[in-house]
């Protein structure tokens, strides 16, 4: 409910296990709007696997500050914005999928998540789809997500 972006729905038996089982290591990529501007050292914590959440050491992942920043339309309902604290978008790609993991990771580095948009699963991306728009993936696209 708090997140946006790419969502796969299927009635294909076993698909959930193939996509969500950690042994399959499907990469998921997110655009994350966070409060404040993270330092290089903060982003490196994602990459070197030094973030610990609830006694779990997160696997190394990729995190970067896109330049230029993406132009994302406002959300409905709108997110809270504090005038005195800047916000930026970071791009995070990870293979783990623990509950609220990205939000907990950004909080662990001192930058709470304001908005979270999944933009890709494997090499299958949102491309130019609008919020609420859906489509059937082609059989050939299944290889993009490793299924």
N, C-alpha and C. Protein backbone atom coordinates (compact mmCIF):
# COMPACT_ATOMS: atom_id res chain seq x y z
N UNK A 1 0.81 -1.19 0.00
CA UNK A 1 0.00 0.00 0.00
C UNK A 1 0.86 1.26 0.00
N UNK A 2 2.03 1.20 0.62
CA UNK A 2 2.91 2.36 0.70
C UNK A 2 3.89 2.43 -0.47
N UNK A 3 3.93 1.41 -1.29
CA UNK A 3 4.89 1.36 -2.38
C UNK A 3 4.18 1.46 -3.73
N UNK A 4 4.98 1.76 -4.75
CA UNK A 4 4.45 1.95 -6.09
C UNK A 4 5.29 1.16 -7.07
N UNK A 5 4.84 1.10 -8.31
CA UNK A 5 5.67 0.56 -9.36
C UNK A 5 5.31 -0.82 -9.85
N UNK A 6 6.30 -1.51 -10.37
CA UNK A 6 6.13 -2.79 -11.05
C UNK A 6 5.63 -3.87 -10.11
N UNK A 7 4.58 -4.53 -10.53
CA UNK A 7 3.97 -5.61 -9.77
C UNK A 7 3.63 -6.71 -10.76
N UNK A 8 4.04 -7.94 -10.45
CA UNK A 8 3.71 -9.08 -11.30
C UNK A 8 2.61 -9.89 -10.65
N UNK A 9 1.57 -10.17 -11.41
CA UNK A 9 0.47 -11.01 -10.95
C UNK A 9 0.42 -12.23 -11.87
N UNK A 10 0.22 -13.41 -11.29
CA UNK A 10 0.23 -14.61 -12.11
C UNK A 10 -0.60 -15.71 -11.48
N UNK A 11 -1.15 -16.57 -12.33
CA UNK A 11 -1.80 -17.78 -11.86
C UNK A 11 -0.93 -19.00 -12.21
N UNK A 12 0.31 -18.73 -12.61
CA UNK A 12 1.23 -19.78 -12.99
C UNK A 12 1.80 -20.46 -11.75
N UNK A 13 1.57 -21.74 -11.63
CA UNK A 13 2.04 -22.51 -10.49
C UNK A 13 3.56 -22.43 -10.35
N UNK A 14 4.03 -22.16 -9.14
CA UNK A 14 5.47 -22.13 -8.87
C UNK A 14 6.16 -20.84 -9.20
N UNK A 15 5.48 -19.91 -9.85
CA UNK A 15 6.13 -18.65 -10.23
C UNK A 15 6.58 -17.86 -9.00
N UNK A 16 5.72 -17.77 -7.98
CA UNK A 16 6.10 -17.03 -6.77
C UNK A 16 7.38 -17.56 -6.19
N UNK A 17 7.50 -18.88 -6.09
CA UNK A 17 8.71 -19.46 -5.53
C UNK A 17 9.93 -19.12 -6.38
N UNK A 18 9.80 -19.24 -7.69
CA UNK A 18 10.93 -18.93 -8.57
C UNK A 18 11.33 -17.46 -8.48
N UNK A 19 10.36 -16.57 -8.27
CA UNK A 19 10.68 -15.14 -8.18
C UNK A 19 11.15 -14.71 -6.79
N UNK A 20 10.56 -15.29 -5.75
CA UNK A 20 10.80 -14.78 -4.40
C UNK A 20 11.80 -15.59 -3.59
N UNK A 21 12.10 -16.81 -3.97
CA UNK A 21 13.03 -17.62 -3.20
C UNK A 21 14.42 -17.02 -3.30
N UNK A 22 15.05 -16.71 -2.16
CA UNK A 22 16.37 -16.06 -2.17
C UNK A 22 17.44 -16.84 -2.94
N UNK A 23 17.31 -18.17 -3.01
CA UNK A 23 18.33 -18.95 -3.73
C UNK A 23 18.37 -18.59 -5.21
N UNK A 24 17.27 -18.05 -5.76
CA UNK A 24 17.23 -17.67 -7.17
C UNK A 24 17.80 -16.29 -7.44
N UNK A 25 17.98 -15.51 -6.41
CA UNK A 25 18.65 -14.19 -6.48
C UNK A 25 18.15 -13.30 -7.62
N UNK A 26 16.84 -13.10 -7.71
CA UNK A 26 16.31 -12.18 -8.70
C UNK A 26 16.52 -10.75 -8.22
N UNK A 27 17.19 -9.96 -9.02
CA UNK A 27 17.46 -8.57 -8.65
C UNK A 27 16.20 -7.74 -8.82
N UNK A 28 15.95 -6.88 -7.85
CA UNK A 28 14.85 -5.92 -7.90
C UNK A 28 15.46 -4.53 -7.77
N UNK A 29 14.98 -3.61 -8.60
CA UNK A 29 15.52 -2.25 -8.60
C UNK A 29 14.42 -1.27 -8.24
N UNK A 30 14.78 -0.33 -7.38
CA UNK A 30 13.83 0.66 -6.86
C UNK A 30 14.38 2.07 -7.02
N UNK A 31 13.47 3.00 -7.25
CA UNK A 31 13.77 4.42 -7.06
C UNK A 31 13.21 4.75 -5.69
N UNK A 32 14.03 5.35 -4.85
CA UNK A 32 13.65 5.62 -3.48
C UNK A 32 13.85 7.10 -3.19
N UNK A 33 12.77 7.78 -2.86
CA UNK A 33 12.87 9.19 -2.46
C UNK A 33 13.11 9.19 -0.96
N UNK A 34 14.20 9.83 -0.56
CA UNK A 34 14.58 9.83 0.85
C UNK A 34 14.70 11.25 1.37
N UNK A 35 14.60 11.36 2.66
CA UNK A 35 14.76 12.64 3.34
C UNK A 35 16.26 12.90 3.50
N UNK A 36 16.71 14.09 3.11
CA UNK A 36 18.11 14.44 3.23
C UNK A 36 18.92 13.95 2.04
N UNK A 37 20.18 14.34 2.02
CA UNK A 37 21.10 13.95 0.94
C UNK A 37 22.16 13.03 1.54
N UNK A 38 22.22 11.77 1.10
CA UNK A 38 23.17 10.83 1.68
C UNK A 38 24.60 11.11 1.26
N UNK A 39 25.51 10.83 2.16
CA UNK A 39 26.93 10.97 1.83
C UNK A 39 27.37 9.76 1.01
N UNK A 40 28.54 9.87 0.41
CA UNK A 40 29.11 8.75 -0.32
C UNK A 40 29.29 7.56 0.61
N UNK A 41 29.72 7.84 1.84
CA UNK A 41 29.92 6.76 2.82
C UNK A 41 28.60 6.06 3.14
N UNK A 42 27.51 6.80 3.23
CA UNK A 42 26.20 6.19 3.50
C UNK A 42 25.80 5.26 2.38
N UNK A 43 25.99 5.68 1.14
CA UNK A 43 25.64 4.83 0.00
C UNK A 43 26.55 3.61 -0.07
N UNK A 44 27.80 3.76 0.34
CA UNK A 44 28.73 2.62 0.35
C UNK A 44 28.30 1.56 1.34
N UNK A 45 27.57 1.95 2.39
CA UNK A 45 27.08 0.96 3.35
C UNK A 45 26.15 -0.05 2.68
N UNK A 46 25.39 0.40 1.67
CA UNK A 46 24.56 -0.51 0.90
C UNK A 46 25.44 -1.50 0.13
N UNK A 47 26.48 -0.95 -0.49
CA UNK A 47 27.31 -1.73 -1.39
C UNK A 47 28.22 -2.73 -0.68
N UNK A 48 28.68 -2.39 0.51
CA UNK A 48 29.59 -3.31 1.19
C UNK A 48 28.90 -4.24 2.18
N UNK A 49 27.58 -4.17 2.24
CA UNK A 49 26.83 -5.09 3.09
C UNK A 49 26.99 -4.84 4.57
N UNK A 50 27.20 -3.59 4.97
CA UNK A 50 27.41 -3.30 6.39
C UNK A 50 26.15 -2.82 7.10
N UNK A 51 25.00 -2.89 6.44
CA UNK A 51 23.75 -2.49 7.08
C UNK A 51 23.15 -3.71 7.79
N UNK A 52 22.85 -3.53 9.08
CA UNK A 52 22.25 -4.59 9.87
C UNK A 52 20.85 -4.14 10.29
N UNK A 53 19.86 -5.00 10.00
CA UNK A 53 18.47 -4.71 10.34
C UNK A 53 17.95 -5.87 11.16
N UNK A 54 17.50 -5.58 12.35
CA UNK A 54 16.94 -6.60 13.24
C UNK A 54 17.85 -7.83 13.32
N UNK A 55 19.12 -7.59 13.57
CA UNK A 55 20.16 -8.63 13.72
C UNK A 55 20.46 -9.38 12.42
N UNK A 56 19.93 -8.90 11.31
CA UNK A 56 20.22 -9.52 10.00
C UNK A 56 21.15 -8.60 9.22
N UNK A 57 22.30 -9.14 8.81
CA UNK A 57 23.22 -8.36 7.99
C UNK A 57 22.77 -8.47 6.54
N UNK A 58 22.40 -7.33 5.97
CA UNK A 58 21.90 -7.30 4.60
C UNK A 58 23.02 -7.64 3.61
N UNK A 59 22.64 -8.35 2.56
CA UNK A 59 23.60 -8.66 1.51
C UNK A 59 24.02 -7.38 0.80
N UNK A 60 25.25 -7.35 0.27
CA UNK A 60 25.65 -6.18 -0.51
C UNK A 60 24.70 -5.96 -1.68
N UNK A 61 24.45 -4.70 -2.00
CA UNK A 61 23.58 -4.37 -3.13
C UNK A 61 24.15 -3.12 -3.80
N UNK A 62 23.47 -2.63 -4.79
CA UNK A 62 23.91 -1.41 -5.47
C UNK A 62 23.04 -0.25 -5.04
N UNK A 63 23.67 0.88 -4.80
CA UNK A 63 22.94 2.11 -4.46
C UNK A 63 23.68 3.28 -5.08
N UNK A 64 22.92 4.17 -5.70
CA UNK A 64 23.54 5.34 -6.31
C UNK A 64 22.59 6.52 -6.28
N UNK A 65 23.15 7.68 -6.44
CA UNK A 65 22.41 8.93 -6.51
C UNK A 65 22.35 9.32 -7.99
N UNK A 66 21.20 9.11 -8.66
CA UNK A 66 21.13 9.41 -10.09
C UNK A 66 21.39 10.88 -10.38
N UNK A 67 22.14 11.12 -11.44
CA UNK A 67 22.41 12.48 -11.87
C UNK A 67 22.19 12.54 -13.37
N UNK A 68 21.16 13.23 -13.83
CA UNK A 68 20.25 14.09 -13.08
C UNK A 68 19.22 13.27 -12.31
N UNK A 69 18.61 13.92 -11.35
CA UNK A 69 17.56 13.30 -10.56
C UNK A 69 16.35 13.00 -11.47
N UNK A 70 15.68 11.86 -11.26
CA UNK A 70 14.51 11.54 -12.10
C UNK A 70 13.37 12.52 -11.84
N UNK A 71 12.59 12.75 -12.87
CA UNK A 71 11.41 13.60 -12.75
C UNK A 71 10.20 12.69 -12.58
N UNK A 72 9.72 12.58 -11.36
CA UNK A 72 8.62 11.69 -11.03
C UNK A 72 7.41 12.55 -10.66
N UNK A 73 6.26 12.29 -11.28
CA UNK A 73 5.07 13.07 -10.94
C UNK A 73 4.68 12.88 -9.48
N UNK A 74 4.00 13.85 -8.89
CA UNK A 74 3.58 13.73 -7.49
C UNK A 74 2.68 12.51 -7.29
N UNK A 75 2.71 12.02 -6.08
CA UNK A 75 1.90 10.86 -5.71
C UNK A 75 0.54 11.32 -5.20
N UNK A 76 -0.47 10.47 -5.43
CA UNK A 76 -1.80 10.73 -4.88
C UNK A 76 -2.19 9.52 -4.03
N UNK A 77 -2.27 9.64 -2.72
CA UNK A 77 -2.17 10.85 -1.92
C UNK A 77 -0.73 11.32 -1.82
N UNK A 78 -0.54 12.62 -1.61
CA UNK A 78 0.82 13.17 -1.56
C UNK A 78 1.60 12.67 -0.35
N UNK A 79 2.92 12.67 -0.50
CA UNK A 79 3.80 12.32 0.62
C UNK A 79 4.03 13.56 1.45
N UNK A 80 4.51 13.35 2.67
CA UNK A 80 4.83 14.51 3.51
C UNK A 80 6.18 15.08 3.08
N UNK A 81 6.25 16.36 2.98
CA UNK A 81 7.50 17.05 2.63
C UNK A 81 7.77 18.07 3.71
N UNK A 82 9.01 18.09 4.19
CA UNK A 82 9.38 19.10 5.16
C UNK A 82 10.20 20.17 4.44
N UNK A 83 9.74 21.39 4.55
CA UNK A 83 10.37 22.49 3.83
C UNK A 83 11.84 22.68 4.21
N UNK A 84 12.20 22.37 5.46
CA UNK A 84 13.56 22.62 5.93
C UNK A 84 14.53 21.48 5.63
N UNK A 85 14.03 20.35 5.10
CA UNK A 85 14.90 19.20 4.82
C UNK A 85 14.77 18.84 3.35
N UNK A 86 15.90 18.86 2.62
CA UNK A 86 15.82 18.50 1.21
C UNK A 86 15.53 17.00 1.05
N UNK A 87 15.07 16.61 -0.12
CA UNK A 87 14.88 15.20 -0.40
C UNK A 87 15.49 14.90 -1.76
N UNK A 88 15.95 13.66 -1.93
CA UNK A 88 16.55 13.22 -3.19
C UNK A 88 16.07 11.81 -3.50
N UNK A 89 16.29 11.41 -4.74
CA UNK A 89 16.01 10.05 -5.18
C UNK A 89 17.32 9.28 -5.23
N UNK A 90 17.30 8.05 -4.75
CA UNK A 90 18.43 7.14 -4.94
C UNK A 90 17.90 5.92 -5.68
N UNK A 91 18.79 5.23 -6.36
CA UNK A 91 18.42 3.98 -7.03
C UNK A 91 19.08 2.85 -6.27
N UNK A 92 18.29 1.85 -5.89
CA UNK A 92 18.78 0.72 -5.11
C UNK A 92 18.40 -0.57 -5.83
N UNK A 93 19.39 -1.46 -6.01
CA UNK A 93 19.14 -2.78 -6.60
C UNK A 93 19.62 -3.83 -5.62
N UNK A 94 18.72 -4.78 -5.28
CA UNK A 94 19.08 -5.82 -4.33
C UNK A 94 18.45 -7.14 -4.73
N UNK A 95 18.99 -8.23 -4.15
CA UNK A 95 18.45 -9.55 -4.45
C UNK A 95 17.66 -10.12 -3.27
N UNK A 96 17.84 -9.55 -2.10
CA UNK A 96 17.05 -9.97 -0.95
C UNK A 96 15.66 -9.34 -1.07
N UNK A 97 14.73 -9.87 -0.33
CA UNK A 97 13.39 -9.30 -0.37
C UNK A 97 12.71 -9.37 0.98
N UNK A 98 13.43 -9.02 2.01
CA UNK A 98 12.85 -9.05 3.35
C UNK A 98 11.76 -7.97 3.45
N UNK A 99 10.80 -8.19 4.35
CA UNK A 99 9.70 -7.26 4.55
C UNK A 99 10.20 -5.85 4.85
N UNK A 100 9.79 -4.88 4.04
CA UNK A 100 10.13 -3.46 4.20
C UNK A 100 11.64 -3.21 4.24
N UNK A 101 12.40 -4.07 3.59
CA UNK A 101 13.86 -4.00 3.66
C UNK A 101 14.44 -2.68 3.17
N UNK A 102 14.02 -2.21 2.02
CA UNK A 102 14.59 -0.97 1.50
C UNK A 102 14.29 0.18 2.46
N UNK A 103 13.08 0.26 2.96
CA UNK A 103 12.72 1.31 3.91
C UNK A 103 13.59 1.23 5.17
N UNK A 104 13.81 0.02 5.66
CA UNK A 104 14.63 -0.15 6.86
C UNK A 104 16.10 0.17 6.59
N UNK A 105 16.56 -0.13 5.39
CA UNK A 105 17.95 0.17 5.03
C UNK A 105 18.18 1.68 4.96
N UNK A 106 17.25 2.42 4.34
CA UNK A 106 17.44 3.87 4.26
C UNK A 106 17.35 4.50 5.65
N UNK A 107 16.46 3.96 6.48
CA UNK A 107 16.36 4.47 7.86
C UNK A 107 17.64 4.19 8.63
N UNK A 108 18.26 3.03 8.38
CA UNK A 108 19.49 2.66 9.08
C UNK A 108 20.65 3.60 8.75
N UNK A 109 20.62 4.22 7.57
CA UNK A 109 21.69 5.18 7.24
C UNK A 109 21.27 6.62 7.56
N UNK A 110 20.12 6.76 8.22
CA UNK A 110 19.68 8.08 8.66
C UNK A 110 18.88 8.89 7.67
N UNK A 111 18.32 8.21 6.65
CA UNK A 111 17.55 8.90 5.62
C UNK A 111 16.24 8.15 5.38
N UNK A 112 15.18 8.50 6.12
CA UNK A 112 13.91 7.79 5.98
C UNK A 112 13.35 7.86 4.56
N UNK A 113 12.70 6.78 4.17
CA UNK A 113 12.07 6.70 2.85
C UNK A 113 10.77 7.49 2.85
N UNK A 114 10.62 8.32 1.83
CA UNK A 114 9.39 9.07 1.63
C UNK A 114 8.51 8.39 0.58
N UNK A 115 9.18 7.79 -0.40
CA UNK A 115 8.46 7.18 -1.51
C UNK A 115 9.31 6.06 -2.08
N UNK A 116 8.67 4.96 -2.47
CA UNK A 116 9.38 3.78 -2.97
C UNK A 116 8.69 3.28 -4.23
N UNK A 117 9.44 3.22 -5.33
CA UNK A 117 8.88 2.79 -6.61
C UNK A 117 9.74 1.66 -7.17
N UNK A 118 9.16 0.46 -7.31
CA UNK A 118 9.90 -0.64 -7.94
C UNK A 118 9.88 -0.39 -9.44
N UNK A 119 11.07 -0.29 -10.03
CA UNK A 119 11.14 0.01 -11.46
C UNK A 119 11.56 -1.20 -12.30
N UNK A 120 12.07 -2.26 -11.64
CA UNK A 120 12.47 -3.44 -12.42
C UNK A 120 12.55 -4.68 -11.54
N UNK A 121 12.26 -5.80 -12.16
CA UNK A 121 12.52 -7.12 -11.59
C UNK A 121 13.35 -7.83 -12.63
N UNK A 122 14.60 -8.15 -12.28
CA UNK A 122 15.52 -8.65 -13.30
C UNK A 122 15.71 -7.58 -14.34
N UNK A 123 15.58 -7.95 -15.60
CA UNK A 123 15.70 -6.97 -16.68
C UNK A 123 14.34 -6.53 -17.21
N UNK A 124 13.28 -6.99 -16.54
CA UNK A 124 11.93 -6.56 -16.91
C UNK A 124 11.65 -5.25 -16.18
N UNK A 125 11.40 -4.19 -16.95
CA UNK A 125 11.23 -2.87 -16.32
C UNK A 125 9.88 -2.27 -16.65
N UNK A 126 9.55 -1.22 -15.90
CA UNK A 126 8.30 -0.50 -16.13
C UNK A 126 8.26 0.18 -17.49
N UNK A 127 9.41 0.51 -18.00
CA UNK A 127 9.51 1.25 -19.25
C UNK A 127 8.69 2.53 -19.16
N UNK A 128 7.69 2.68 -20.00
CA UNK A 128 6.92 3.93 -20.01
C UNK A 128 5.48 3.72 -19.54
N UNK A 129 5.26 2.74 -18.71
CA UNK A 129 3.89 2.51 -18.24
C UNK A 129 3.51 3.55 -17.21
N UNK A 130 2.26 3.94 -17.27
CA UNK A 130 1.71 4.93 -16.34
C UNK A 130 1.14 4.22 -15.12
N UNK A 131 1.03 4.93 -13.99
CA UNK A 131 0.40 4.33 -12.80
C UNK A 131 -1.00 3.79 -13.13
N UNK A 132 -1.27 2.57 -12.68
CA UNK A 132 -2.57 1.95 -12.92
C UNK A 132 -2.67 1.22 -14.24
N UNK A 133 -1.72 1.43 -15.13
CA UNK A 133 -1.73 0.75 -16.43
C UNK A 133 -1.19 -0.66 -16.25
N UNK A 134 -1.74 -1.61 -16.99
CA UNK A 134 -1.25 -2.97 -16.91
C UNK A 134 -1.12 -3.55 -18.31
N UNK A 135 -0.35 -4.65 -18.37
CA UNK A 135 -0.20 -5.34 -19.64
C UNK A 135 0.20 -6.79 -19.36
N UNK A 136 -0.01 -7.63 -20.33
CA UNK A 136 0.38 -9.03 -20.24
C UNK A 136 1.82 -9.12 -20.72
N UNK A 137 2.69 -9.80 -19.93
CA UNK A 137 4.06 -9.94 -20.41
C UNK A 137 4.11 -11.03 -21.47
N UNK A 138 4.98 -10.81 -22.42
CA UNK A 138 5.15 -11.76 -23.52
C UNK A 138 5.97 -12.95 -23.02
N UNK A 139 5.80 -14.08 -23.67
CA UNK A 139 6.54 -15.29 -23.31
C UNK A 139 8.05 -15.00 -23.38
N UNK A 140 8.47 -14.21 -24.36
CA UNK A 140 9.89 -13.90 -24.52
C UNK A 140 10.43 -13.05 -23.37
N UNK A 141 9.55 -12.28 -22.70
CA UNK A 141 9.97 -11.42 -21.59
C UNK A 141 10.24 -12.22 -20.32
N UNK A 142 9.73 -13.44 -20.24
CA UNK A 142 9.95 -14.25 -19.04
C UNK A 142 11.44 -14.50 -18.81
N UNK A 143 12.21 -14.55 -19.88
CA UNK A 143 13.65 -14.76 -19.72
C UNK A 143 14.31 -13.52 -19.09
N UNK A 144 13.69 -12.36 -19.23
CA UNK A 144 14.25 -11.14 -18.64
C UNK A 144 14.22 -11.18 -17.11
N UNK A 145 13.29 -11.98 -16.57
CA UNK A 145 13.21 -12.09 -15.11
C UNK A 145 13.65 -13.47 -14.64
N UNK A 146 14.23 -14.23 -15.57
CA UNK A 146 14.81 -15.51 -15.20
C UNK A 146 13.80 -16.61 -14.89
N UNK A 147 12.66 -16.57 -15.54
CA UNK A 147 11.67 -17.64 -15.30
C UNK A 147 11.38 -18.39 -16.58
